[in-house]
N, C-alpha and C. Protein backbone atom coordinates (compact mmCIF):
# COMPACT_ATOMS: atom_id res chain seq x y z
N MET A 1 0.70 -1.27 0.09
CA MET A 1 -0.02 0.03 0.17
C MET A 1 0.87 1.23 -0.17
N ASN A 2 2.14 1.16 0.75
CA ASN A 2 3.03 2.34 0.88
C ASN A 2 3.39 2.59 -0.61
N ASN A 3 3.77 1.82 -1.49
CA ASN A 3 4.14 1.96 -2.88
C ASN A 3 3.02 2.64 -3.71
N TRP A 4 1.81 2.49 -3.58
CA TRP A 4 0.72 3.26 -4.18
C TRP A 4 0.64 4.56 -3.76
N LYS A 5 1.01 4.90 -2.31
CA LYS A 5 0.95 6.20 -1.92
C LYS A 5 2.25 6.94 -2.50
N LEU A 6 3.32 6.45 -2.40
CA LEU A 6 4.54 6.99 -2.81
C LEU A 6 4.47 7.41 -4.49
N ALA A 7 3.96 6.31 -5.35
CA ALA A 7 3.62 6.44 -6.70
C ALA A 7 2.52 7.63 -6.88
N THR A 8 1.77 7.79 -6.27
CA THR A 8 0.65 8.71 -6.14
C THR A 8 1.02 10.34 -6.04
N ILE A 9 1.92 10.33 -4.87
CA ILE A 9 2.61 11.46 -4.51
C ILE A 9 3.67 11.95 -5.78
N ILE A 10 4.41 10.93 -6.25
CA ILE A 10 5.42 11.35 -7.30
C ILE A 10 4.63 11.74 -8.62
N LEU A 11 3.48 11.11 -8.83
CA LEU A 11 2.85 11.56 -9.96
C LEU A 11 2.12 12.85 -9.89
N ALA A 12 1.63 13.19 -8.57
CA ALA A 12 1.07 14.44 -8.46
C ALA A 12 2.22 15.83 -8.69
N ILE A 13 3.49 15.37 -7.92
CA ILE A 13 4.41 16.45 -8.28
C ILE A 13 4.72 16.55 -9.66
N LEU A 14 5.06 15.47 -10.33
CA LEU A 14 5.36 15.26 -11.76
C LEU A 14 4.15 16.29 -12.59
N LEU A 15 2.75 15.92 -12.17
CA LEU A 15 1.91 16.82 -12.96
C LEU A 15 1.81 18.12 -12.35
N GLY A 16 2.07 18.76 -11.26
CA GLY A 16 2.50 20.10 -10.74
C GLY A 16 3.63 20.58 -11.60
N ILE A 17 4.59 20.22 -11.85
CA ILE A 17 5.78 20.71 -12.43
C ILE A 17 5.63 20.63 -13.89
N SER A 18 4.87 19.61 -14.57
CA SER A 18 4.28 19.75 -16.06
C SER A 18 3.47 20.78 -16.33
N LEU A 19 2.41 21.16 -15.34
CA LEU A 19 1.60 22.42 -15.40
C LEU A 19 2.19 23.70 -15.43
N MET A 20 3.34 23.51 -14.40
CA MET A 20 3.96 24.97 -14.31
C MET A 20 4.85 25.19 -15.53
N TRP A 21 5.34 24.32 -15.91
CA TRP A 21 6.17 24.49 -17.37
C TRP A 21 5.25 24.80 -18.49
N SER A 22 3.97 24.21 -18.60
CA SER A 22 3.20 24.57 -19.57
C SER A 22 2.55 26.13 -19.48
N VAL A 23 2.46 26.55 -18.41
CA VAL A 23 2.20 28.08 -18.19
C VAL A 23 3.24 28.91 -18.46
N GLN A 24 4.37 28.68 -18.06
CA GLN A 24 5.59 29.41 -18.46
C GLN A 24 5.77 29.32 -20.10
N GLN A 25 5.53 28.37 -20.52
CA GLN A 25 5.93 28.03 -21.87
C GLN A 25 4.80 29.06 -22.94
N ARG A 26 3.48 29.00 -22.15
CA ARG A 26 2.56 29.92 -22.92
C ARG A 26 3.04 31.49 -22.94
N ALA A 27 3.31 31.62 -21.43
CA ALA A 27 3.62 33.10 -21.17
C ALA A 27 4.86 33.57 -22.32
N ASN A 28 5.74 32.78 -22.42
CA ASN A 28 6.95 32.97 -23.44
C ASN A 28 6.45 33.17 -24.80
N PHE A 29 5.50 32.29 -25.34
CA PHE A 29 5.15 32.31 -26.63
C PHE A 29 4.48 33.61 -26.75
N GLU A 30 3.50 33.86 -25.78
CA GLU A 30 2.62 35.15 -25.91
C GLU A 30 3.62 36.50 -25.96
N LYS A 31 4.63 36.41 -25.23
CA LYS A 31 5.44 37.54 -25.01
C LYS A 31 6.34 37.57 -26.35
N THR A 32 6.65 36.51 -27.15
CA THR A 32 7.30 36.57 -28.41
C THR A 32 6.27 37.17 -29.29
N GLN A 33 5.08 36.70 -29.35
CA GLN A 33 4.21 37.07 -30.20
C GLN A 33 3.94 38.65 -30.03
N LEU A 34 3.63 39.10 -28.92
CA LEU A 34 3.79 40.73 -28.73
C LEU A 34 4.81 41.50 -29.26
N LYS A 35 6.09 40.79 -28.87
CA LYS A 35 7.19 41.68 -29.38
C LYS A 35 7.30 41.61 -30.82
N ALA A 36 6.99 40.68 -31.42
CA ALA A 36 6.79 40.51 -33.07
C ALA A 36 5.96 41.42 -33.46
N TYR A 37 4.73 41.64 -32.68
CA TYR A 37 3.61 42.65 -33.20
C TYR A 37 4.30 44.07 -33.17
N VAL A 38 4.71 44.39 -31.98
CA VAL A 38 5.42 45.85 -31.71
C VAL A 38 6.60 46.12 -32.90
N LEU A 39 7.42 45.14 -33.34
CA LEU A 39 8.46 45.27 -34.34
C LEU A 39 7.78 45.49 -35.63
N GLU A 40 6.64 44.87 -35.94
CA GLU A 40 5.94 44.99 -37.28
C GLU A 40 5.59 46.65 -37.31
N TYR A 41 4.92 46.95 -36.13
CA TYR A 41 4.73 48.62 -36.07
C TYR A 41 5.85 49.52 -36.17
N ALA A 42 7.12 48.89 -35.62
CA ALA A 42 8.18 49.85 -35.92
C ALA A 42 8.55 49.78 -37.56
N GLN A 43 8.39 48.60 -38.23
CA GLN A 43 8.58 48.62 -39.63
C GLN A 43 7.51 49.43 -40.33
N LEU A 44 6.40 49.53 -40.17
CA LEU A 44 5.16 50.36 -40.71
C LEU A 44 5.59 51.53 -40.41
N GLU A 45 6.10 52.02 -39.14
CA GLU A 45 6.40 53.58 -39.02
C GLU A 45 7.31 53.96 -39.86
N TYR A 46 8.44 53.19 -40.10
CA TYR A 46 9.50 53.71 -41.06
C TYR A 46 8.92 53.78 -42.35
N ALA A 47 8.05 52.76 -42.95
CA ALA A 47 7.48 52.92 -44.16
C ALA A 47 6.68 54.08 -44.53
N LEU A 48 6.01 54.43 -43.50
CA LEU A 48 5.09 55.38 -43.64
C LEU A 48 5.84 56.50 -43.68
N LYS A 49 6.86 56.89 -42.90
CA LYS A 49 7.56 58.22 -42.79
C LYS A 49 8.22 58.14 -44.06
N ASP A 50 8.77 56.96 -44.76
CA ASP A 50 9.36 57.14 -45.98
C ASP A 50 8.53 57.42 -47.14
N THR A 51 7.23 57.05 -47.13
CA THR A 51 6.08 57.23 -47.94
C THR A 51 5.90 58.76 -47.89
N ILE A 52 5.59 59.28 -46.75
CA ILE A 52 5.26 60.71 -46.54
C ILE A 52 6.37 61.61 -47.30
N GLU A 53 7.62 61.23 -46.64
CA GLU A 53 8.59 62.06 -47.21
C GLU A 53 9.14 62.08 -48.83
N SER A 54 8.90 60.82 -49.40
CA SER A 54 9.07 60.77 -50.93
C SER A 54 7.89 61.62 -51.28
N TYR A 55 6.60 61.40 -51.03
CA TYR A 55 5.63 62.41 -51.56
C TYR A 55 6.07 63.78 -51.54
N GLU A 56 6.44 64.09 -50.19
CA GLU A 56 6.67 65.83 -50.13
C GLU A 56 7.92 66.24 -50.77
N GLN A 57 8.67 65.22 -51.33
CA GLN A 57 9.92 65.67 -52.21
C GLN A 57 9.55 65.43 -53.64
N GLY A 58 8.34 65.51 -53.87
CA GLY A 58 7.89 65.76 -55.40
C GLY A 58 7.58 64.38 -55.82
N GLY A 59 6.88 63.65 -55.22
CA GLY A 59 6.39 62.25 -55.55
C GLY A 59 5.01 62.23 -56.08
N SER A 60 4.29 61.52 -56.98
CA SER A 60 3.11 61.67 -57.52
C SER A 60 2.20 60.94 -56.55
N GLN A 61 0.92 61.42 -56.65
CA GLN A 61 -0.40 60.83 -56.05
C GLN A 61 -0.20 59.38 -56.20
N LYS A 62 -0.03 59.00 -57.62
CA LYS A 62 -0.18 57.80 -58.05
C LYS A 62 0.67 56.76 -57.18
N GLU A 63 2.11 57.30 -57.10
CA GLU A 63 3.06 56.45 -56.44
C GLU A 63 2.66 56.55 -54.80
N LEU A 64 2.11 57.88 -54.32
CA LEU A 64 1.64 57.70 -52.96
C LEU A 64 0.53 56.77 -52.74
N GLY A 65 -0.17 56.61 -53.77
CA GLY A 65 -1.29 55.64 -53.73
C GLY A 65 -1.11 54.26 -53.62
N GLU A 66 -0.09 53.88 -54.54
CA GLU A 66 0.53 52.63 -54.71
C GLU A 66 1.22 51.98 -53.11
N ARG A 67 1.99 53.10 -52.83
CA ARG A 67 2.60 52.74 -51.52
C ARG A 67 1.66 52.64 -50.24
N LEU A 68 0.64 53.26 -50.29
CA LEU A 68 -0.38 53.32 -49.04
C LEU A 68 -1.09 52.05 -49.24
N HIS A 69 -1.38 51.50 -50.61
CA HIS A 69 -2.02 50.25 -50.97
C HIS A 69 -1.13 49.29 -50.34
N TRP A 70 0.11 49.32 -50.40
CA TRP A 70 0.81 48.18 -49.94
C TRP A 70 0.84 48.17 -48.42
N LEU A 71 0.87 49.50 -47.80
CA LEU A 71 0.96 49.84 -46.13
C LEU A 71 -0.46 49.18 -45.80
N SER A 72 -1.33 49.42 -46.40
CA SER A 72 -2.76 48.81 -45.91
C SER A 72 -2.82 47.28 -45.90
N GLY A 73 -2.20 46.58 -46.78
CA GLY A 73 -2.05 45.46 -46.89
C GLY A 73 -1.36 44.71 -45.81
N PHE A 74 -0.16 45.56 -45.39
CA PHE A 74 0.72 44.99 -44.35
C PHE A 74 0.07 45.47 -43.16
N VAL A 75 -0.75 46.25 -42.94
CA VAL A 75 -1.40 46.34 -41.43
C VAL A 75 -2.49 45.01 -41.29
N VAL A 76 -3.19 44.82 -42.56
CA VAL A 76 -4.07 43.83 -42.17
C VAL A 76 -3.22 42.54 -41.76
N ASN A 77 -2.23 42.14 -41.87
CA ASN A 77 -1.49 40.99 -41.64
C ASN A 77 -0.62 41.44 -40.26
N ILE A 78 -0.70 42.41 -39.56
CA ILE A 78 0.12 42.91 -38.60
C ILE A 78 -0.38 42.28 -37.15
N ASN A 79 -1.55 41.81 -36.93
CA ASN A 79 -1.86 41.38 -35.69
C ASN A 79 -1.34 40.17 -35.32
N PRO A 80 -1.04 39.87 -34.01
CA PRO A 80 -0.39 38.66 -33.51
C PRO A 80 -1.14 37.72 -33.55
N ALA A 81 -0.51 36.46 -33.57
CA ALA A 81 -1.27 35.26 -33.76
C ALA A 81 -1.76 34.86 -32.16
N GLY A 82 -2.76 34.20 -32.24
CA GLY A 82 -2.93 33.72 -30.90
C GLY A 82 -3.94 34.68 -30.02
N GLN A 83 -4.09 34.18 -28.74
CA GLN A 83 -4.83 34.99 -27.77
C GLN A 83 -3.76 35.80 -27.15
N THR A 84 -3.60 37.08 -27.37
CA THR A 84 -2.82 37.88 -26.52
C THR A 84 -3.36 39.16 -26.18
N VAL A 85 -2.65 39.89 -25.38
CA VAL A 85 -3.29 40.94 -24.63
C VAL A 85 -3.29 42.31 -25.94
N ALA A 86 -2.91 42.13 -27.02
CA ALA A 86 -3.05 42.94 -28.06
C ALA A 86 -4.39 43.57 -28.32
N TYR A 87 -5.51 42.78 -27.84
CA TYR A 87 -6.75 42.92 -28.31
C TYR A 87 -7.05 44.53 -27.73
N HIS A 88 -6.15 45.01 -26.98
CA HIS A 88 -6.42 46.34 -26.22
C HIS A 88 -6.29 47.13 -27.28
N SER A 89 -5.52 47.06 -28.10
CA SER A 89 -4.87 48.07 -29.37
C SER A 89 -5.80 47.55 -30.61
N PHE A 90 -6.97 46.82 -30.52
CA PHE A 90 -7.56 46.45 -31.73
C PHE A 90 -8.23 47.92 -32.78
N ASP A 91 -8.62 48.47 -31.79
CA ASP A 91 -9.44 49.84 -32.49
C ASP A 91 -8.13 50.44 -33.18
N PHE A 92 -6.97 50.74 -32.63
CA PHE A 92 -5.86 51.51 -33.32
C PHE A 92 -5.33 50.60 -34.72
N ASP A 93 -5.30 49.37 -34.42
CA ASP A 93 -5.07 48.59 -35.82
C ASP A 93 -5.90 49.00 -36.73
N TYR A 94 -7.42 48.78 -36.48
CA TYR A 94 -8.44 48.83 -37.38
C TYR A 94 -8.43 50.36 -38.02
N ASP A 95 -8.39 51.37 -37.16
CA ASP A 95 -8.34 52.82 -37.60
C ASP A 95 -7.18 52.99 -38.30
N THR A 96 -6.00 52.42 -38.35
CA THR A 96 -4.64 52.60 -39.03
C THR A 96 -5.08 52.24 -40.31
N ASN A 97 -5.51 50.94 -40.66
CA ASN A 97 -6.06 50.51 -41.84
C ASN A 97 -7.11 51.58 -42.65
N VAL A 98 -8.08 51.91 -41.95
CA VAL A 98 -8.89 52.79 -42.46
C VAL A 98 -8.40 54.14 -43.07
N VAL A 99 -7.33 54.84 -42.19
CA VAL A 99 -7.03 55.94 -42.78
C VAL A 99 -6.05 55.52 -44.13
N LEU A 100 -5.29 54.48 -43.94
CA LEU A 100 -4.36 54.25 -45.00
C LEU A 100 -5.30 53.84 -46.28
N SER A 101 -6.41 53.02 -46.05
CA SER A 101 -7.13 52.96 -47.08
C SER A 101 -7.95 54.22 -47.86
N GLU A 102 -8.33 54.94 -46.99
CA GLU A 102 -9.04 56.21 -47.41
C GLU A 102 -8.06 57.06 -48.44
N VAL A 103 -6.86 57.43 -47.71
CA VAL A 103 -6.01 58.38 -48.39
C VAL A 103 -5.65 57.47 -49.66
N HIS A 104 -5.30 56.27 -49.75
CA HIS A 104 -4.96 55.57 -50.59
C HIS A 104 -5.83 55.68 -51.84
N ARG A 105 -7.03 55.34 -51.67
CA ARG A 105 -8.27 55.55 -52.73
C ARG A 105 -8.21 57.20 -53.45
N LYS A 106 -7.98 58.14 -52.40
CA LYS A 106 -7.78 59.38 -53.06
C LYS A 106 -6.89 59.55 -53.75
N ALA A 107 -5.68 59.09 -53.33
CA ALA A 107 -4.38 59.24 -54.23
C ALA A 107 -4.41 58.57 -55.31
N ARG A 108 -4.87 57.63 -55.55
CA ARG A 108 -5.03 56.52 -56.68
C ARG A 108 -5.89 57.43 -57.72
N GLY A 109 -6.85 58.25 -57.39
CA GLY A 109 -7.59 59.01 -58.13
C GLY A 109 -7.14 60.37 -58.47
N ASN A 110 -5.82 60.82 -57.81
CA ASN A 110 -5.22 62.02 -57.87
C ASN A 110 -6.15 63.15 -57.15
N GLN A 111 -6.69 62.52 -55.98
CA GLN A 111 -7.43 63.53 -55.34
C GLN A 111 -6.90 63.75 -53.75
N ALA A 112 -6.06 63.39 -53.50
CA ALA A 112 -5.44 63.52 -51.95
C ALA A 112 -5.19 64.82 -51.91
N THR A 113 -5.53 65.35 -50.52
CA THR A 113 -5.31 66.83 -50.16
C THR A 113 -4.38 66.95 -49.27
N GLU A 114 -4.10 68.19 -48.89
CA GLU A 114 -3.20 68.48 -47.90
C GLU A 114 -3.49 67.82 -46.35
N GLU A 115 -4.91 67.94 -46.33
CA GLU A 115 -5.52 67.43 -44.90
C GLU A 115 -5.20 66.00 -44.93
N ASP A 116 -5.35 65.19 -46.05
CA ASP A 116 -5.12 63.87 -46.10
C ASP A 116 -3.55 63.57 -45.76
N ILE A 117 -2.79 64.45 -46.18
CA ILE A 117 -1.42 64.37 -45.97
C ILE A 117 -0.89 64.50 -44.50
N ASP A 118 -2.05 65.43 -43.75
CA ASP A 118 -1.73 65.62 -42.48
C ASP A 118 -2.14 64.53 -41.67
N ARG A 119 -3.34 63.78 -42.19
CA ARG A 119 -3.89 62.66 -41.39
C ARG A 119 -2.58 61.65 -41.37
N LEU A 120 -2.00 61.55 -42.58
CA LEU A 120 -0.93 60.55 -42.50
C LEU A 120 0.00 60.96 -41.59
N LYS A 121 0.26 62.18 -41.45
CA LYS A 121 1.45 62.46 -40.53
C LYS A 121 1.13 62.37 -38.95
N THR A 122 -0.24 62.48 -38.82
CA THR A 122 -0.80 62.51 -37.52
C THR A 122 -0.69 60.75 -37.13
N LEU A 123 -1.35 59.96 -38.35
CA LEU A 123 -1.09 58.69 -38.03
C LEU A 123 0.35 58.30 -37.76
N HIS A 124 1.36 58.78 -38.46
CA HIS A 124 2.71 58.36 -38.36
C HIS A 124 3.35 58.71 -36.79
N GLN A 125 2.81 59.77 -36.43
CA GLN A 125 3.02 60.33 -34.90
C GLN A 125 2.51 59.11 -34.14
N LEU A 126 1.25 58.99 -34.03
CA LEU A 126 0.72 57.89 -33.25
C LEU A 126 1.28 56.62 -33.45
N ILE A 127 1.78 56.11 -34.43
CA ILE A 127 2.24 54.68 -34.61
C ILE A 127 3.67 54.74 -33.82
N ASN A 128 4.64 56.01 -34.03
CA ASN A 128 5.86 56.30 -33.68
C ASN A 128 5.78 56.09 -32.12
N ARG A 129 4.82 56.83 -31.51
CA ARG A 129 4.59 56.71 -29.90
C ARG A 129 3.97 55.47 -29.32
N PHE A 130 3.33 54.82 -30.43
CA PHE A 130 3.04 53.37 -29.96
C PHE A 130 4.38 52.47 -29.76
N GLN A 131 4.87 52.37 -30.96
CA GLN A 131 6.06 51.38 -31.00
C GLN A 131 7.15 51.83 -30.27
N LYS A 132 7.30 53.09 -30.14
CA LYS A 132 8.46 53.46 -28.82
C LYS A 132 8.06 53.00 -27.53
N SER A 133 6.84 53.21 -27.01
CA SER A 133 6.76 53.04 -25.68
C SER A 133 6.46 51.61 -25.60
N ALA A 134 6.09 50.62 -26.66
CA ALA A 134 6.05 49.35 -26.46
C ALA A 134 7.44 48.47 -26.69
N LEU A 135 8.24 49.54 -27.35
CA LEU A 135 9.73 48.54 -27.31
C LEU A 135 10.72 49.07 -26.42
N ASP A 136 10.19 49.96 -25.34
CA ASP A 136 11.01 50.44 -24.45
C ASP A 136 11.08 49.29 -23.62
N ASN A 137 12.46 49.09 -23.25
CA ASN A 137 12.87 47.87 -22.15
C ASN A 137 12.32 46.62 -22.54
N VAL A 138 12.22 46.27 -24.18
CA VAL A 138 11.56 45.20 -24.55
C VAL A 138 12.09 43.84 -24.03
N GLU A 139 13.53 43.60 -23.95
CA GLU A 139 14.00 42.40 -23.38
C GLU A 139 13.59 41.96 -21.97
N HIS A 140 13.23 43.12 -21.47
CA HIS A 140 12.88 42.65 -19.96
C HIS A 140 11.28 42.75 -19.64
N LYS A 141 10.54 43.01 -20.84
CA LYS A 141 9.02 43.07 -20.63
C LYS A 141 8.48 41.76 -20.36
N THR A 142 7.40 41.96 -19.56
CA THR A 142 6.51 40.69 -19.27
C THR A 142 5.17 41.16 -20.24
N VAL A 143 4.45 40.14 -20.09
CA VAL A 143 3.13 40.15 -20.93
C VAL A 143 2.21 41.37 -20.17
N ALA A 144 2.36 41.48 -18.96
CA ALA A 144 1.70 42.57 -18.26
C ALA A 144 2.06 43.66 -18.41
N ASP A 145 3.37 43.81 -18.63
CA ASP A 145 4.08 45.28 -19.01
C ASP A 145 3.46 45.56 -20.54
N TYR A 146 3.53 44.71 -21.42
CA TYR A 146 2.76 45.09 -22.79
C TYR A 146 1.49 45.37 -22.63
N GLU A 147 0.58 44.72 -21.91
CA GLU A 147 -0.65 44.99 -21.69
C GLU A 147 -0.74 46.26 -21.04
N ALA A 148 -0.01 46.86 -20.18
CA ALA A 148 -0.11 48.12 -19.44
C ALA A 148 0.24 49.10 -20.63
N ASP A 149 1.22 48.91 -21.46
CA ASP A 149 1.77 49.88 -22.32
C ASP A 149 0.46 50.07 -23.55
N PHE A 150 -0.39 48.89 -23.68
CA PHE A 150 -1.33 48.99 -24.63
C PHE A 150 -2.54 49.77 -24.26
N ILE A 151 -2.72 49.50 -23.03
CA ILE A 151 -3.93 50.12 -22.30
C ILE A 151 -3.80 51.78 -22.38
N GLU A 152 -2.33 52.21 -21.91
CA GLU A 152 -1.94 53.45 -21.75
C GLU A 152 -1.99 54.40 -22.89
N PHE A 153 -1.45 53.61 -23.94
CA PHE A 153 -1.49 54.23 -25.31
C PHE A 153 -3.05 54.30 -25.79
N MET A 154 -3.82 53.27 -25.53
CA MET A 154 -5.08 53.44 -26.06
C MET A 154 -5.79 54.51 -25.35
N LYS A 155 -5.51 54.88 -24.28
CA LYS A 155 -6.10 56.20 -23.42
C LYS A 155 -5.68 57.59 -24.19
N TYR A 156 -4.44 57.40 -24.47
CA TYR A 156 -3.88 58.66 -25.39
C TYR A 156 -4.46 58.93 -26.70
N TYR A 157 -4.44 57.47 -27.28
CA TYR A 157 -5.08 57.36 -28.74
C TYR A 157 -6.67 57.87 -28.92
N GLU A 158 -7.40 57.48 -27.74
CA GLU A 158 -8.85 58.10 -27.56
C GLU A 158 -8.80 59.62 -27.88
N THR A 159 -7.78 60.43 -27.49
CA THR A 159 -7.81 61.87 -27.18
C THR A 159 -7.30 62.47 -28.40
N GLN A 160 -6.60 61.55 -29.36
CA GLN A 160 -6.01 62.09 -30.49
C GLN A 160 -6.72 61.61 -31.83
N LYS A 161 -7.76 60.73 -31.58
CA LYS A 161 -8.31 59.91 -32.70
C LYS A 161 -8.99 60.77 -33.55
N GLU A 162 -9.66 61.92 -33.12
CA GLU A 162 -10.39 62.81 -33.93
C GLU A 162 -9.58 63.49 -34.90
N TYR A 163 -8.19 63.59 -34.83
CA TYR A 163 -7.52 64.15 -35.69
C TYR A 163 -7.28 63.48 -37.16
N LEU A 164 -7.64 62.06 -36.83
CA LEU A 164 -7.38 61.20 -38.10
C LEU A 164 -8.76 61.11 -38.78
N PHE A 165 -9.73 61.32 -38.37
CA PHE A 165 -11.20 61.35 -38.81
C PHE A 165 -11.53 62.75 -39.06
N LYS A 166 -11.18 63.95 -39.62
CA LYS A 166 -11.52 65.29 -39.69
C LYS A 166 -12.47 65.17 -40.93
């Protein structure tokens, strides 16, 4: 009978260790996904900055429209895989794509205005703020740190959103 008790205790310990390891692996996976999500926003920030500068240095609206079309497609695929705390920034993801698509359509028809370019500049500033705050101390961030950053950014974003949709 003592052998069964010992075997049960060992099995319970092994099950507990396995459960703890599984939880740790999930947290590491989610952290990796969030880091990739933020790094994709860093790429978007750079590409949008380059697009705006290229247009302002004499680029055509057709070229602007083509670049924005590409960026819009990039944004559609920017969301992290799996269940992560990035859901807090879903509205920002969605609105980013809306602004890029709207200005893209106008530019392709050669109808983009200075107000549209200002919208792109505002979007660029918001993306820059988002990715810089989320990349701050990235190697030591926890999932809870990312979540706090996303929530803080979204509070700021809600105060600035109106400038994207004038």
